[in-house]
């Protein structure tokens, strides 16, 4: 058991850094996904508002 301990202790920091890297990258990707969804919702809402404003102005001008 004592002969294995130095190898285990040598691998533990690598595993720790790898785990930390995984969670950091995962949170970055999830944040990017949420930002893209929010951007798409914002653009859709503004497109709907622009279309509503555009159709109202078409009715007031008689479609011209």
N, C-alpha and C. Protein backbone atom coordinates (compact mmCIF):
# COMPACT_ATOMS: atom_id res chain seq x y z
N UNK A 1 0.82 -1.20 0.00
CA UNK A 1 0.00 0.00 0.00
C UNK A 1 0.86 1.25 0.00
N UNK A 2 1.96 1.23 0.71
CA UNK A 2 2.82 2.41 0.76
C UNK A 2 3.47 2.70 -0.58
N UNK A 3 3.64 1.69 -1.41
CA UNK A 3 4.26 1.93 -2.71
C UNK A 3 3.28 2.56 -3.70
N UNK A 4 1.99 2.43 -3.47
CA UNK A 4 0.97 2.99 -4.36
C UNK A 4 0.65 4.43 -3.98
N UNK A 5 0.80 4.78 -2.72
CA UNK A 5 0.42 6.09 -2.22
C UNK A 5 1.08 7.25 -2.97
N UNK A 6 2.37 7.22 -3.27
CA UNK A 6 2.96 8.35 -4.01
C UNK A 6 2.33 8.55 -5.40
N UNK A 7 1.96 7.45 -6.04
CA UNK A 7 1.35 7.55 -7.37
C UNK A 7 -0.06 8.15 -7.27
N UNK A 8 -0.79 7.73 -6.26
CA UNK A 8 -2.13 8.28 -6.05
C UNK A 8 -2.04 9.77 -5.73
N UNK A 9 -1.11 10.14 -4.87
CA UNK A 9 -0.94 11.54 -4.52
C UNK A 9 -0.48 12.38 -5.71
N UNK A 10 0.22 11.76 -6.63
CA UNK A 10 0.66 12.48 -7.84
C UNK A 10 -0.50 12.70 -8.81
N UNK A 11 -1.47 11.81 -8.80
CA UNK A 11 -2.59 11.90 -9.73
C UNK A 11 -3.71 12.80 -9.20
N UNK A 12 -3.84 12.92 -7.89
CA UNK A 12 -4.93 13.68 -7.28
C UNK A 12 -4.99 15.14 -7.77
N UNK A 13 -3.89 15.88 -7.83
CA UNK A 13 -3.98 17.26 -8.33
C UNK A 13 -4.46 17.34 -9.79
N UNK A 14 -4.02 16.40 -10.60
CA UNK A 14 -4.44 16.37 -12.00
C UNK A 14 -5.94 16.13 -12.10
N UNK A 15 -6.44 15.20 -11.31
CA UNK A 15 -7.87 14.92 -11.30
C UNK A 15 -8.64 16.15 -10.80
N UNK A 16 -8.12 16.80 -9.78
CA UNK A 16 -8.77 18.00 -9.25
C UNK A 16 -8.83 19.12 -10.27
N UNK A 17 -7.73 19.36 -10.95
CA UNK A 17 -7.70 20.42 -11.97
C UNK A 17 -8.60 20.05 -13.14
N UNK A 18 -8.60 18.78 -13.52
CA UNK A 18 -9.48 18.33 -14.60
C UNK A 18 -10.95 18.51 -14.26
N UNK A 19 -11.30 18.20 -13.03
CA UNK A 19 -12.68 18.37 -12.57
C UNK A 19 -13.06 19.85 -12.56
N UNK A 20 -12.17 20.68 -12.06
CA UNK A 20 -12.42 22.12 -12.05
C UNK A 20 -12.58 22.65 -13.47
N UNK A 21 -11.72 22.22 -14.38
CA UNK A 21 -11.80 22.63 -15.78
C UNK A 21 -13.15 22.22 -16.38
N UNK A 22 -13.58 21.00 -16.08
CA UNK A 22 -14.86 20.51 -16.60
C UNK A 22 -16.01 21.41 -16.15
N UNK A 23 -16.06 21.74 -14.87
CA UNK A 23 -17.16 22.56 -14.36
C UNK A 23 -17.11 23.99 -14.88
N UNK A 24 -15.92 24.52 -15.07
CA UNK A 24 -15.79 25.88 -15.62
C UNK A 24 -16.28 25.91 -17.06
N UNK A 25 -15.84 24.97 -17.88
CA UNK A 25 -16.27 24.93 -19.28
C UNK A 25 -17.77 24.66 -19.37
N UNK A 26 -18.27 23.77 -18.52
CA UNK A 26 -19.71 23.48 -18.51
C UNK A 26 -20.52 24.73 -18.19
N UNK A 27 -20.09 25.50 -17.21
CA UNK A 27 -20.83 26.71 -16.86
C UNK A 27 -20.74 27.77 -17.96
N UNK A 28 -19.60 27.86 -18.63
CA UNK A 28 -19.46 28.79 -19.75
C UNK A 28 -20.42 28.41 -20.88
N UNK A 29 -20.48 27.13 -21.21
CA UNK A 29 -21.36 26.69 -22.29
C UNK A 29 -22.83 26.86 -21.93
N UNK A 30 -23.20 26.57 -20.69
CA UNK A 30 -24.58 26.77 -20.26
C UNK A 30 -24.95 28.25 -20.27
N UNK A 31 -24.04 29.10 -19.85
CA UNK A 31 -24.29 30.54 -19.89
C UNK A 31 -24.46 31.03 -21.32
N UNK A 32 -23.66 30.51 -22.22
CA UNK A 32 -23.77 30.89 -23.63
C UNK A 32 -25.11 30.44 -24.19
N UNK A 33 -25.53 29.23 -23.83
CA UNK A 33 -26.81 28.71 -24.30
C UNK A 33 -27.96 29.58 -23.79
N UNK A 34 -27.90 29.94 -22.51
CA UNK A 34 -28.96 30.79 -21.95
C UNK A 34 -28.96 32.17 -22.60
N UNK A 35 -27.78 32.69 -22.88
CA UNK A 35 -27.70 34.01 -23.52
C UNK A 35 -28.28 33.96 -24.94
N UNK A 36 -28.01 32.89 -25.67
CA UNK A 36 -28.56 32.76 -27.02
C UNK A 36 -30.08 32.64 -26.98
N UNK A 37 -30.61 31.90 -26.00
CA UNK A 37 -32.07 31.80 -25.87
C UNK A 37 -32.68 33.15 -25.53
N UNK A 38 -32.06 33.88 -24.63
CA UNK A 38 -32.57 35.20 -24.25
C UNK A 38 -32.50 36.15 -25.44
N UNK A 39 -31.44 36.09 -26.20
CA UNK A 39 -31.30 36.94 -27.39
C UNK A 39 -32.38 36.60 -28.41
N UNK A 40 -32.64 35.31 -28.61
CA UNK A 40 -33.67 34.91 -29.57
C UNK A 40 -35.05 35.38 -29.11
N UNK A 41 -35.33 35.26 -27.80
CA UNK A 41 -36.61 35.74 -27.28
C UNK A 41 -36.74 37.25 -27.46
N UNK A 42 -35.66 37.97 -27.18
CA UNK A 42 -35.67 39.43 -27.31
C UNK A 42 -35.92 39.83 -28.77
N UNK A 43 -35.21 39.17 -29.69
CA UNK A 43 -35.39 39.49 -31.11
C UNK A 43 -36.80 39.15 -31.58
N UNK A 44 -37.34 38.02 -31.11
CA UNK A 44 -38.70 37.64 -31.50
C UNK A 44 -39.72 38.66 -30.98
N UNK A 45 -39.53 39.12 -29.76
CA UNK A 45 -40.45 40.11 -29.20
C UNK A 45 -40.37 41.42 -29.98
N UNK A 46 -39.18 41.82 -30.35
CA UNK A 46 -39.04 43.07 -31.11
C UNK A 46 -39.56 42.91 -32.54
N UNK A 47 -39.40 41.72 -33.11
CA UNK A 47 -39.96 41.48 -34.44
C UNK A 47 -41.49 41.54 -34.40
N UNK A 48 -42.07 40.93 -33.36
CA UNK A 48 -43.53 40.99 -33.22
C UNK A 48 -44.00 42.43 -33.05
N UNK A 49 -43.27 43.20 -32.24
CA UNK A 49 -43.65 44.60 -32.03
C UNK A 49 -43.51 45.39 -33.33
N UNK A 50 -42.45 45.13 -34.08
CA UNK A 50 -42.25 45.84 -35.34
C UNK A 50 -43.33 45.46 -36.35
N UNK A 51 -43.70 44.19 -36.39
CA UNK A 51 -44.75 43.76 -37.30
C UNK A 51 -46.10 44.35 -36.90
N UNK A 52 -46.35 44.45 -35.62
CA UNK A 52 -47.61 45.05 -35.16
C UNK A 52 -47.64 46.53 -35.51
N UNK A 53 -46.53 47.21 -35.32
CA UNK A 53 -46.46 48.63 -35.68
C UNK A 53 -46.57 48.81 -37.19
N UNK A 54 -45.95 47.93 -37.93
CA UNK A 54 -45.99 48.02 -39.38
C UNK A 54 -47.37 47.77 -39.93
N UNK A 55 -48.09 46.81 -39.38
CA UNK A 55 -49.45 46.54 -39.87
C UNK A 55 -50.40 47.66 -39.48
N UNK A 56 -50.17 48.29 -38.34
CA UNK A 56 -51.01 49.43 -37.93
C UNK A 56 -50.79 50.62 -38.85
N UNK A 57 -49.56 50.86 -39.25
CA UNK A 57 -49.29 51.99 -40.14
C UNK A 57 -49.80 51.70 -41.55
N UNK A 58 -49.80 50.41 -41.97
CA UNK A 58 -50.35 50.07 -43.28
C UNK A 58 -51.85 50.34 -43.32
N UNK A 59 -52.56 50.05 -42.23
CA UNK A 59 -54.00 50.27 -42.19
C UNK A 59 -54.32 51.77 -42.21
N UNK A 60 -53.50 52.56 -41.53
CA UNK A 60 -53.79 53.99 -41.46
C UNK A 60 -53.48 54.70 -42.79
N UNK A 61 -52.56 54.17 -43.57
CA UNK A 61 -52.22 54.80 -44.85
C UNK A 61 -52.95 54.15 -46.01
N UNK A 62 -53.77 53.15 -45.72
CA UNK A 62 -54.50 52.49 -46.79
C UNK A 62 -53.64 51.51 -47.56
N UNK A 63 -52.57 51.02 -46.95
CA UNK A 63 -51.71 50.04 -47.59
C UNK A 63 -50.70 50.64 -48.54
N UNK A 64 -50.52 51.95 -48.50
CA UNK A 64 -49.57 52.59 -49.42
C UNK A 64 -48.31 52.96 -48.74
